[in-house]
Amino acid sequence: MKECASVNENLAWTGTEMVVAGVDSGAVSTKVVILLEGQPYALSQVDTRIPKESASRAMDAALAKGRLKAEDIRYVVATGCGRSQVPFAHRRVSEIPCGAAGAVRIWGPSVRTVLDAGGESCRITHCTEKGRATAFLWNDKCAAGIGRSLESFADLAGAEPKKIGKRGLQTDGFPKLSDFCAVYAQSEALDLVRSKVPLEQVVTAYHYAMAKRISTLVLRLGLKEDLAIIGGLAKNSGITKWLERILEVNALAPKAEWDPALAPALGAALFADSSCRGQRLGH
C-alpha cells in the first residue's frame, strides 16, 4: 500500500477549533484520523514497518494534507498493537473500545456487534447504541493471521490481493479445506493449486474456510444485530459474503466515504475528543 492521505474540503480550519487525533498502529498499516470540532477532517494510511516511525509518517501525512502543524493537535489517543510505541500519544486505548466507537460513528446507533478482521487478529465486540463496548472475544491462535495469510495466498496463487475476494464467491463445486487453522488451510489450498484444481475453486475454498473460522468466533460470543465489519478484511467480498451466508445475516453495507480499516483510528480520535472536553465516551 502506498502512503495515502485525504482531507474533508467541506471543513475549514481557522486556527481556533478543537483539533484532536487518533492513531491506529496496526500490524499491517498505521492509520491517523484528525477531528476538527468532532468532525473528520484529515485521514492518512501508511504501511507499518517500525511502529514508532510509521506513526510519525502517518501523522505527518495527515497534518500536511490538512495544512496543520503538530502543535495544532490538542490531544492524541493511540490504539492498535503498536500503540505503546506511539511517542506523541497522550493516552493509549485498546482496539476493542476504539473499534466499537468508530463503527457506531460510521454506521449509526443500530450497531450491536462489531467484527474487526485485520491482518493479524480478529476481534468480536458487543456494544451499546452509544458505542460503548460491553463484551468482546479475541481470536485464538488458530484464527490469527487470516488477513496476512490471504495476502500471501493471493501472491502464491498468482492473483491480485485486492481482487482475489471477488473470485472467491463460487457457490458450489469447490473442495472443502480445514477451517481450524489459517496455516493448515493455506497449505491445503496450495496443494490443490499444484494438483491443477481450477483456481476459482481453490480461491473459493480458501475464502470459505477462513469465513467459517471467523464465524465460529462470532458465534462463540453471540451475534447481535446489526453487524458491522471493520478492518482490512471488510474490503474482501469473498470473506464478507461468505460470512453473511454462514451466519445467515446481512452485515451493514460499507459506507462509500469510509474505509472500514479506519474505524479504530476514528474511535481513538473520538476518545481524544471526549478526553479533551472532559467527557466520558459512550455514556
C-alpha atoms as a PDB file:
ATOM      1  CA  MET A   1       0.000   0.000   0.000  1.00  0.00           C
ATOM      2  CA  LYS A   2       1.322   3.409  -0.901  1.00  0.00           C
ATOM      3  CA  GLU A   3       1.099   6.265   1.566  1.00  0.00           C
ATOM      4  CA  CYS A   4      -2.269   7.933   1.139  1.00  0.00           C
ATOM      5  CA  ALA A   5      -3.996  10.879   2.762  1.00  0.00           C
ATOM      6  CA  SER A   6      -7.178  12.866   2.260  1.00  0.00           C
ATOM      7  CA  VAL A   7      -8.884  15.948   3.671  1.00  0.00           C
ATOM      8  CA  ASN A   8     -12.510  16.999   4.086  1.00  0.00           C
ATOM      9  CA  GLU A   9     -12.717  20.042   1.851  1.00  0.00           C
ATOM     10  CA  ASN A  10     -16.085  20.968   3.387  1.00  0.00           C
ATOM     11  CA  LEU A  11     -14.345  21.942   6.626  1.00  0.00           C
ATOM     12  CA  ALA A  12     -12.068  24.932   7.002  1.00  0.00           C
ATOM     13  CA  TRP A  13      -9.558  25.276   9.838  1.00  0.00           C
ATOM     14  CA  THR A  14      -9.146  28.802  11.164  1.00  0.00           C
ATOM     15  CA  GLY A  15      -6.739  28.083  13.981  1.00  0.00           C
ATOM     16  CA  THR A  16      -9.216  28.248  16.861  1.00  0.00           C
ATOM     17  CA  GLU A  17     -11.159  24.979  16.794  1.00  0.00           C
ATOM     18  CA  MET A  18     -10.768  21.802  18.826  1.00  0.00           C
ATOM     19  CA  VAL A  19      -8.313  19.634  16.868  1.00  0.00           C
ATOM     20  CA  VAL A  20      -7.561  16.097  18.087  1.00  0.00           C
ATOM     21  CA  ALA A  21      -6.250  12.899  16.513  1.00  0.00           C
ATOM     22  CA  GLY A  22      -6.452   9.136  16.739  1.00  0.00           C
ATOM     23  CA  VAL A  23      -3.610   6.841  15.681  1.00  0.00           C
ATOM     24  CA  ASP A  24      -4.161   3.148  14.965  1.00  0.00           C
ATOM     25  CA  SER A  25      -0.776   1.425  14.933  1.00  0.00           C
ATOM     26  CA  GLY A  26      -1.745  -1.868  13.310  1.00  0.00           C
ATOM     27  CA  ALA A  27       0.307  -4.880  12.289  1.00  0.00           C
ATOM     28  CA  VAL A  28      -0.134  -4.176   8.568  1.00  0.00           C
ATOM     29  CA  SER A  29      -0.858  -0.450   8.350  1.00  0.00           C
ATOM     30  CA  THR A  30      -0.874   2.644  10.517  1.00  0.00           C
ATOM     31  CA  LYS A  31      -3.839   4.971  10.261  1.00  0.00           C
ATOM     32  CA  VAL A  32      -4.482   8.509  11.501  1.00  0.00           C
ATOM     33  CA  VAL A  33      -7.792  10.372  11.776  1.00  0.00           C
ATOM     34  CA  ILE A  34      -7.811  14.057  12.715  1.00  0.00           C
ATOM     35  CA  LEU A  35     -11.069  15.546  14.002  1.00  0.00           C
ATOM     36  CA  LEU A  36     -11.948  19.211  13.737  1.00  0.00           C
ATOM     37  CA  GLU A  37     -14.613  20.079  16.319  1.00  0.00           C
ATOM     38  CA  GLY A  38     -15.607  16.429  16.394  1.00  0.00           C
ATOM     39  CA  GLN A  39     -15.854  16.098  12.595  1.00  0.00           C
ATOM     40  CA  PRO A  40     -13.449  14.021  10.462  1.00  0.00           C
ATOM     41  CA  TYR A  41     -11.024  16.417   8.815  1.00  0.00           C
ATOM     42  CA  ALA A  42      -7.816  14.696   7.685  1.00  0.00           C
ATOM     43  CA  LEU A  43      -7.084  10.987   7.205  1.00  0.00           C
ATOM     44  CA  SER A  44      -3.965   9.011   6.332  1.00  0.00           C
ATOM     45  CA  GLN A  45      -2.671   5.448   5.985  1.00  0.00           C
ATOM     46  CA  VAL A  46       0.865   4.127   5.628  1.00  0.00           C
ATOM     47  CA  ASP A  47       2.406   0.660   5.754  1.00  0.00           C
ATOM     48  CA  THR A  48       3.600  -0.336   9.212  1.00  0.00           C
ATOM     49  CA  ARG A  49       7.286  -1.098   9.299  1.00  0.00           C
ATOM     50  CA  ILE A  50       8.769   0.210  12.531  1.00  0.00           C
ATOM     51  CA  PRO A  51       5.682   1.258  14.569  1.00  0.00           C
ATOM     52  CA  LYS A  52       7.271   4.399  16.014  1.00  0.00           C
ATOM     53  CA  GLU A  53       8.418   5.653  12.632  1.00  0.00           C
ATOM     54  CA  SER A  54       5.207   4.617  10.848  1.00  0.00           C
ATOM     55  CA  ALA A  55       3.100   6.513  13.386  1.00  0.00           C
ATOM     56  CA  SER A  56       5.140   9.665  12.764  1.00  0.00           C
ATOM     57  CA  ARG A  57       4.889   9.208   8.982  1.00  0.00           C
ATOM     58  CA  ALA A  58       1.128   8.735   9.128  1.00  0.00           C
ATOM     59  CA  MET A  59       0.673  11.759  11.376  1.00  0.00           C
ATOM     60  CA  ASP A  60       2.923  13.907   9.183  1.00  0.00           C
ATOM     61  CA  ALA A  61       0.925  12.891   6.098  1.00  0.00           C
ATOM     62  CA  ALA A  62      -2.396  13.800   7.741  1.00  0.00           C
ATOM     63  CA  LEU A  63      -1.034  17.089   9.074  1.00  0.00           C
ATOM     64  CA  ALA A  64       0.325  18.057   5.665  1.00  0.00           C
ATOM     65  CA  LYS A  65      -2.954  17.212   3.948  1.00  0.00           C
ATOM     66  CA  GLY A  66      -4.883  19.278   6.490  1.00  0.00           C
ATOM     67  CA  ARG A  67      -2.367  22.134   6.374  1.00  0.00           C
ATOM     68  CA  LEU A  68      -1.757  21.736  10.098  1.00  0.00           C
ATOM     69  CA  LYS A  69       1.268  21.656  12.389  1.00  0.00           C
ATOM     70  CA  ALA A  70       1.940  19.191  15.172  1.00  0.00           C
ATOM     71  CA  GLU A  71       1.366  21.891  17.793  1.00  0.00           C
ATOM     72  CA  ASP A  72      -2.165  22.421  16.433  1.00  0.00           C
ATOM     73  CA  ILE A  73      -3.217  18.991  17.735  1.00  0.00           C
ATOM     74  CA  ARG A  74      -4.506  19.343  21.279  1.00  0.00           C
ATOM     75  CA  TYR A  75      -4.798  15.663  22.173  1.00  0.00           C
ATOM     76  CA  VAL A  76      -3.778  12.320  20.629  1.00  0.00           C
ATOM     77  CA  VAL A  77      -5.028   8.834  21.512  1.00  0.00           C
ATOM     78  CA  ALA A  78      -3.187   5.780  20.183  1.00  0.00           C
ATOM     79  CA  THR A  79      -4.669   2.326  19.660  1.00  0.00           C
ATOM     80  CA  GLY A  80      -3.621  -0.865  17.885  1.00  0.00           C
ATOM     81  CA  CYS A  81      -0.994  -3.479  18.690  1.00  0.00           C
ATOM     82  CA  GLY A  82       1.775  -0.853  18.413  1.00  0.00           C
ATOM     83  CA  ARG A  83       0.053   1.811  20.498  1.00  0.00           C
ATOM     84  CA  SER A  84       2.724   1.722  23.208  1.00  0.00           C
ATOM     85  CA  GLN A  85       5.273   2.814  20.595  1.00  0.00           C
ATOM     86  CA  VAL A  86       3.474   5.986  19.507  1.00  0.00           C
ATOM     87  CA  PRO A  87       5.684   8.556  21.274  1.00  0.00           C
ATOM     88  CA  PHE A  88       3.432  11.580  20.841  1.00  0.00           C
ATOM     89  CA  ALA A  89       0.239   9.986  22.219  1.00  0.00           C
ATOM     90  CA  HIS A  90      -1.292  11.496  25.337  1.00  0.00           C
ATOM     91  CA  ARG A  91      -3.299   8.348  26.026  1.00  0.00           C
ATOM     92  CA  ARG A  92      -3.465   4.754  24.829  1.00  0.00           C
ATOM     93  CA  VAL A  93      -6.713   2.814  24.452  1.00  0.00           C
ATOM     94  CA  SER A  94      -7.328  -0.811  23.382  1.00  0.00           C
ATOM     95  CA  GLU A  95      -8.651  -1.626  19.913  1.00  0.00           C
ATOM     96  CA  ILE A  96     -11.831  -3.062  21.467  1.00  0.00           C
ATOM     97  CA  PRO A  97     -13.466   0.203  22.628  1.00  0.00           C
ATOM     98  CA  CYS A  98     -11.944   2.176  19.755  1.00  0.00           C
ATOM     99  CA  GLY A  99     -13.326  -0.187  17.127  1.00  0.00           C
ATOM    100  CA  ALA A 100     -16.784  -0.117  18.697  1.00  0.00           C
ATOM    101  CA  ALA A 101     -16.838   3.674  18.978  1.00  0.00           C
ATOM    102  CA  GLY A 102     -15.624   4.093  15.404  1.00  0.00           C
ATOM    103  CA  ALA A 103     -18.128   1.613  13.991  1.00  0.00           C
ATOM    104  CA  VAL A 104     -21.094   3.290  15.703  1.00  0.00           C
ATOM    105  CA  ARG A 105     -19.920   6.681  14.464  1.00  0.00           C
ATOM    106  CA  ILE A 106     -19.726   5.369  10.884  1.00  0.00           C
ATOM    107  CA  TRP A 107     -22.882   3.199  10.757  1.00  0.00           C
ATOM    108  CA  GLY A 108     -25.034   4.668  13.483  1.00  0.00           C
ATOM    109  CA  PRO A 109     -26.600   3.523  16.771  1.00  0.00           C
ATOM    110  CA  SER A 110     -28.128   0.315  15.396  1.00  0.00           C
ATOM    111  CA  VAL A 111     -24.735  -1.439  15.545  1.00  0.00           C
ATOM    112  CA  ARG A 112     -24.631  -4.108  18.232  1.00  0.00           C
ATOM    113  CA  THR A 113     -21.856  -6.443  17.037  1.00  0.00           C
ATOM    114  CA  VAL A 114     -18.543  -5.261  15.577  1.00  0.00           C
ATOM    115  CA  LEU A 115     -16.261  -7.723  13.805  1.00  0.00           C
ATOM    116  CA  ASP A 116     -12.764  -6.318  13.424  1.00  0.00           C
ATOM    117  CA  ALA A 117     -10.982  -8.570  10.931  1.00  0.00           C
ATOM    118  CA  GLY A 118      -7.445  -7.338  10.436  1.00  0.00           C
ATOM    119  CA  GLY A 119      -4.126  -8.580   9.179  1.00  0.00           C
ATOM    120  CA  GLU A 120      -3.020 -10.368  12.329  1.00  0.00           C
ATOM    121  CA  SER A 121      -6.120 -10.705  14.514  1.00  0.00           C
ATOM    122  CA  CYS A 122      -9.900 -10.927  14.651  1.00  0.00           C
ATOM    123  CA  ARG A 123     -11.974  -9.332  17.392  1.00  0.00           C
ATOM    124  CA  ILE A 124     -15.702  -9.544  18.044  1.00  0.00           C
ATOM    125  CA  THR A 125     -17.297  -6.889  20.232  1.00  0.00           C
ATOM    126  CA  HIS A 126     -20.806  -6.205  21.525  1.00  0.00           C
ATOM    127  CA  CYS A 127     -21.616  -2.543  22.049  1.00  0.00           C
ATOM    128  CA  THR A 128     -24.357  -0.143  23.056  1.00  0.00           C
ATOM    129  CA  GLU A 129     -26.075   2.369  20.808  1.00  0.00           C
ATOM    130  CA  LYS A 130     -23.570   4.957  22.040  1.00  0.00           C
ATOM    131  CA  GLY A 131     -20.576   2.866  21.012  1.00  0.00           C
ATOM    132  CA  ARG A 132     -19.558   1.573  24.427  1.00  0.00           C
ATOM    133  CA  ALA A 133     -18.102  -1.952  24.314  1.00  0.00           C
ATOM    134  CA  THR A 134     -19.921  -4.339  26.653  1.00  0.00           C
ATOM    135  CA  ALA A 135     -18.353  -7.714  25.773  1.00  0.00           C
ATOM    136  CA  PHE A 136     -15.635  -8.956  23.459  1.00  0.00           C
ATOM    137  CA  LEU A 137     -13.772 -12.009  22.245  1.00  0.00           C
ATOM    138  CA  TRP A 138     -10.277 -12.015  20.776  1.00  0.00           C
ATOM    139  CA  ASN A 139      -9.187 -14.639  18.295  1.00  0.00           C
ATOM    140  CA  ASP A 140      -7.381 -17.750  19.417  1.00  0.00           C
ATOM    141  CA  LYS A 141      -4.068 -18.546  17.758  1.00  0.00           C
ATOM    142  CA  CYS A 142      -5.702 -20.658  15.047  1.00  0.00           C
ATOM    143  CA  ALA A 143      -7.626 -17.652  13.731  1.00  0.00           C
ATOM    144  CA  ALA A 144      -4.671 -15.288  13.931  1.00  0.00           C
ATOM    145  CA  GLY A 145      -3.046 -14.040  10.769  1.00  0.00           C
ATOM    146  CA  ILE A 146      -6.022 -14.654   8.466  1.00  0.00           C
ATOM    147  CA  GLY A 147      -5.531 -11.295   6.763  1.00  0.00           C
ATOM    148  CA  ARG A 148      -1.826 -11.874   6.257  1.00  0.00           C
ATOM    149  CA  SER A 149      -2.415 -15.416   5.037  1.00  0.00           C
ATOM    150  CA  LEU A 150      -4.892 -14.185   2.418  1.00  0.00           C
ATOM    151  CA  GLU A 151      -2.290 -11.768   1.078  1.00  0.00           C
ATOM    152  CA  SER A 152       0.390 -14.451   0.844  1.00  0.00           C
ATOM    153  CA  PHE A 153      -2.075 -16.949  -0.628  1.00  0.00           C
ATOM    154  CA  ALA A 154      -3.056 -14.452  -3.322  1.00  0.00           C
ATOM    155  CA  ASP A 155       0.594 -13.950  -4.188  1.00  0.00           C
ATOM    156  CA  LEU A 156       1.347 -17.672  -4.339  1.00  0.00           C
ATOM    157  CA  ALA A 157      -1.793 -18.323  -6.386  1.00  0.00           C
ATOM    158  CA  GLY A 158      -0.828 -15.598  -8.850  1.00  0.00           C
ATOM    159  CA  ALA A 159      -3.895 -13.470  -8.064  1.00  0.00           C
ATOM    160  CA  GLU A 160      -4.103  -9.796  -7.138  1.00  0.00           C
ATOM    161  CA  PRO A 161      -4.683  -9.377  -3.369  1.00  0.00           C
ATOM    162  CA  LYS A 162      -7.188  -6.553  -3.888  1.00  0.00           C
ATOM    163  CA  LYS A 163      -9.252  -8.543  -6.383  1.00  0.00           C
ATOM    164  CA  ILE A 164      -8.979 -12.076  -5.088  1.00  0.00           C
ATOM    165  CA  GLY A 165     -12.090 -11.769  -2.900  1.00  0.00           C
ATOM    166  CA  LYS A 166     -14.356 -11.367  -5.930  1.00  0.00           C
ATOM    167  CA  ARG A 167     -13.031 -14.680  -7.222  1.00  0.00           C
ATOM    168  CA  GLY A 168     -13.935 -16.485  -4.010  1.00  0.00           C
ATOM    169  CA  LEU A 169     -17.705 -16.489  -4.348  1.00  0.00           C
ATOM    170  CA  GLN A 170     -18.376 -19.644  -6.353  1.00  0.00           C
ATOM    171  CA  THR A 171     -21.436 -21.188  -4.713  1.00  0.00           C
ATOM    172  CA  ASP A 172     -20.837 -24.877  -5.359  1.00  0.00           C
ATOM    173  CA  GLY A 173     -18.383 -27.402  -6.706  1.00  0.00           C
ATOM    174  CA  PHE A 174     -15.413 -26.309  -4.612  1.00  0.00           C
ATOM    175  CA  PRO A 175     -13.388 -28.569  -2.298  1.00  0.00           C
ATOM    176  CA  LYS A 176     -13.522 -28.113   1.457  1.00  0.00           C
ATOM    177  CA  LEU A 177     -10.417 -27.081   3.360  1.00  0.00           C
ATOM    178  CA  SER A 178      -9.563 -27.146   7.052  1.00  0.00           C
ATOM    179  CA  ASP A 179     -11.298 -24.305   8.875  1.00  0.00           C
ATOM    180  CA  PHE A 180      -9.397 -24.957  12.094  1.00  0.00           C
ATOM    181  CA  CYS A 181      -6.208 -23.104  11.257  1.00  0.00           C
ATOM    182  CA  ALA A 182      -5.260 -20.499   8.651  1.00  0.00           C
ATOM    183  CA  VAL A 183      -1.833 -22.078   8.141  1.00  0.00           C
ATOM    184  CA  TYR A 184      -3.236 -25.567   7.524  1.00  0.00           C
ATOM    185  CA  ALA A 185      -5.860 -24.215   5.141  1.00  0.00           C
ATOM    186  CA  GLN A 186      -3.255 -22.326   3.147  1.00  0.00           C
ATOM    187  CA  SER A 187      -1.080 -25.431   2.846  1.00  0.00           C
ATOM    188  CA  GLU A 188      -4.053 -27.491   1.646  1.00  0.00           C
ATOM    189  CA  ALA A 189      -5.042 -24.781  -0.840  1.00  0.00           C
ATOM    190  CA  LEU A 190      -1.569 -24.637  -2.341  1.00  0.00           C
ATOM    191  CA  ASP A 191      -1.582 -28.423  -2.692  1.00  0.00           C
ATOM    192  CA  LEU A 192      -4.798 -28.042  -4.731  1.00  0.00           C
ATOM    193  CA  VAL A 193      -3.144 -25.412  -6.937  1.00  0.00           C
ATOM    194  CA  ARG A 194      -0.228 -27.749  -7.582  1.00  0.00           C
ATOM    195  CA  SER A 195      -2.727 -30.520  -8.383  1.00  0.00           C
ATOM    196  CA  LYS A 196      -4.220 -28.317 -11.152  1.00  0.00           C
ATOM    197  CA  VAL A 197      -7.569 -27.811  -9.442  1.00  0.00           C
ATOM    198  CA  PRO A 198      -9.194 -24.781 -11.143  1.00  0.00           C
ATOM    199  CA  LEU A 199      -8.040 -21.609  -9.424  1.00  0.00           C
ATOM    200  CA  GLU A 200     -11.578 -20.270  -8.958  1.00  0.00           C
ATOM    201  CA  GLN A 201     -12.463 -23.372  -6.934  1.00  0.00           C
ATOM    202  CA  VAL A 202      -9.324 -23.106  -4.804  1.00  0.00           C
ATOM    203  CA  VAL A 203      -9.842 -19.408  -4.129  1.00  0.00           C
ATOM    204  CA  THR A 204     -13.453 -20.042  -3.142  1.00  0.00           C
ATOM    205  CA  ALA A 205     -12.455 -22.960  -0.919  1.00  0.00           C
ATOM    206  CA  TYR A 206      -9.898 -20.831   0.889  1.00  0.00           C
ATOM    207  CA  HIS A 207     -12.255 -17.900   1.445  1.00  0.00           C
ATOM    208  CA  TYR A 208     -14.996 -20.218   2.661  1.00  0.00           C
ATOM    209  CA  ALA A 209     -12.636 -21.877   5.152  1.00  0.00           C
ATOM    210  CA  MET A 210     -11.442 -18.532   6.523  1.00  0.00           C
ATOM    211  CA  ALA A 211     -15.001 -17.187   6.778  1.00  0.00           C
ATOM    212  CA  LYS A 212     -16.028 -20.396   8.541  1.00  0.00           C
ATOM    213  CA  ARG A 213     -13.218 -19.913  11.052  1.00  0.00           C
ATOM    214  CA  ILE A 214     -14.181 -16.293  11.732  1.00  0.00           C
ATOM    215  CA  SER A 215     -17.873 -17.190  12.030  1.00  0.00           C
ATOM    216  CA  THR A 216     -17.017 -19.694  14.771  1.00  0.00           C
ATOM    217  CA  LEU A 217     -15.530 -16.854  16.800  1.00  0.00           C
ATOM    218  CA  VAL A 218     -18.565 -14.642  16.198  1.00  0.00           C
ATOM    219  CA  LEU A 219     -20.935 -17.364  17.370  1.00  0.00           C
ATOM    220  CA  ARG A 220     -18.844 -18.061  20.485  1.00  0.00           C
ATOM    221  CA  LEU A 221     -19.566 -14.533  21.692  1.00  0.00           C
ATOM    222  CA  GLY A 222     -23.021 -14.426  20.129  1.00  0.00           C
ATOM    223  CA  LEU A 223     -24.314 -12.439  17.190  1.00  0.00           C
ATOM    224  CA  LYS A 224     -26.431  -9.378  17.877  1.00  0.00           C
ATOM    225  CA  GLU A 225     -27.744  -7.323  15.002  1.00  0.00           C
ATOM    226  CA  ASP A 226     -26.838  -5.032  13.463  1.00  0.00           C
ATOM    227  CA  LEU A 227     -23.429  -6.382  12.444  1.00  0.00           C
ATOM    228  CA  ALA A 228     -20.665  -4.055  11.251  1.00  0.00           C
ATOM    229  CA  ILE A 229     -17.443  -5.440   9.780  1.00  0.00           C
ATOM    230  CA  ILE A 230     -14.321  -3.308  10.068  1.00  0.00           C
ATOM    231  CA  GLY A 231     -10.621  -3.893   9.427  1.00  0.00           C
ATOM    232  CA  GLY A 232      -8.808  -4.728   6.236  1.00  0.00           C
ATOM    233  CA  LEU A 233     -10.785  -7.913   5.527  1.00  0.00           C
ATOM    234  CA  ALA A 234     -14.005  -5.883   5.431  1.00  0.00           C
ATOM    235  CA  LYS A 235     -12.928  -4.928   1.895  1.00  0.00           C
ATOM    236  CA  ASN A 236     -12.669  -8.568   0.814  1.00  0.00           C
ATOM    237  CA  SER A 237     -16.056  -9.570  -0.586  1.00  0.00           C
ATOM    238  CA  GLY A 238     -15.088 -13.245  -0.589  1.00  0.00           C
ATOM    239  CA  ILE A 239     -14.823 -13.092   3.204  1.00  0.00           C
ATOM    240  CA  THR A 240     -17.763 -10.799   3.947  1.00  0.00           C
ATOM    241  CA  LYS A 241     -20.259 -12.518   1.654  1.00  0.00           C
ATOM    242  CA  TRP A 242     -19.412 -15.989   2.934  1.00  0.00           C
ATOM    243  CA  LEU A 243     -19.684 -14.712   6.497  1.00  0.00           C
ATOM    244  CA  GLU A 244     -23.161 -13.399   5.751  1.00  0.00           C
ATOM    245  CA  ARG A 245     -24.217 -16.727   4.268  1.00  0.00           C
ATOM    246  CA  ILE A 246     -22.764 -18.799   7.108  1.00  0.00           C
ATOM    247  CA  LEU A 247     -24.149 -16.549   9.842  1.00  0.00           C
ATOM    248  CA  GLU A 248     -27.438 -16.010   7.954  1.00  0.00           C
ATOM    249  CA  VAL A 249     -27.258 -12.268   8.476  1.00  0.00           C
ATOM    250  CA  ASN A 250     -26.789  -9.182   6.336  1.00  0.00           C
ATOM    251  CA  ALA A 251     -23.923  -7.067   7.563  1.00  0.00           C
ATOM    252  CA  LEU A 252     -24.327  -3.321   7.329  1.00  0.00           C
ATOM    253  CA  ALA A 253     -23.289  -2.137   3.872  1.00  0.00           C
ATOM    254  CA  PRO A 254     -19.933  -0.366   3.509  1.00  0.00           C
ATOM    255  CA  LYS A 255     -20.000   3.412   3.591  1.00  0.00           C
ATOM    256  CA  ALA A 256     -18.586   4.906   0.424  1.00  0.00           C
ATOM    257  CA  GLU A 257     -16.972   7.757   2.334  1.00  0.00           C
ATOM    258  CA  TRP A 258     -15.227   5.492   4.860  1.00  0.00           C
ATOM    259  CA  ASP A 259     -12.534   2.865   4.535  1.00  0.00           C
ATOM    260  CA  PRO A 260     -13.595   0.291   7.192  1.00  0.00           C
ATOM    261  CA  ALA A 261      -9.949  -0.131   8.163  1.00  0.00           C
ATOM    262  CA  LEU A 262     -10.067   3.418   9.570  1.00  0.00           C
ATOM    263  CA  ALA A 263     -12.767   2.679  12.171  1.00  0.00           C
ATOM    264  CA  PRO A 264     -10.379   2.063  15.133  1.00  0.00           C
ATOM    265  CA  ALA A 265      -8.412   5.227  14.335  1.00  0.00           C
ATOM    266  CA  LEU A 266     -11.694   7.145  14.198  1.00  0.00           C
ATOM    267  CA  GLY A 267     -12.666   5.649  17.545  1.00  0.00           C
ATOM    268  CA  ALA A 268      -9.312   6.673  19.007  1.00  0.00           C
ATOM    269  CA  ALA A 269      -9.892  10.216  17.741  1.00  0.00           C
ATOM    270  CA  LEU A 270     -13.333  10.223  19.384  1.00  0.00           C
ATOM    271  CA  PHE A 271     -11.720   9.196  22.670  1.00  0.00           C
ATOM    272  CA  ALA A 272      -9.240  12.044  22.208  1.00  0.00           C
ATOM    273  CA  ASP A 273     -12.082  14.491  21.629  1.00  0.00           C
ATOM    274  CA  SER A 274     -14.017  13.346  24.705  1.00  0.00           C
ATOM    275  CA  SER A 275     -10.867  13.429  26.868  1.00  0.00           C
ATOM    276  CA  CYS A 276     -10.101  16.948  25.725  1.00  0.00           C
ATOM    277  CA  ARG A 277     -13.641  18.027  26.611  1.00  0.00           C
ATOM    278  CA  GLY A 278     -13.557  16.284  29.980  1.00  0.00           C
ATOM    279  CA  GLN A 279     -16.272  13.837  28.960  1.00  0.00           C
ATOM    280  CA  ARG A 280     -16.545  10.039  29.066  1.00  0.00           C
ATOM    281  CA  LEU A 281     -17.172   8.465  25.678  1.00  0.00           C
ATOM    282  CA  GLY A 282     -20.157   6.130  25.375  1.00  0.00           C
ATOM    283  CA  HIS A 283     -22.054   7.439  28.393  1.00  0.00           C
END
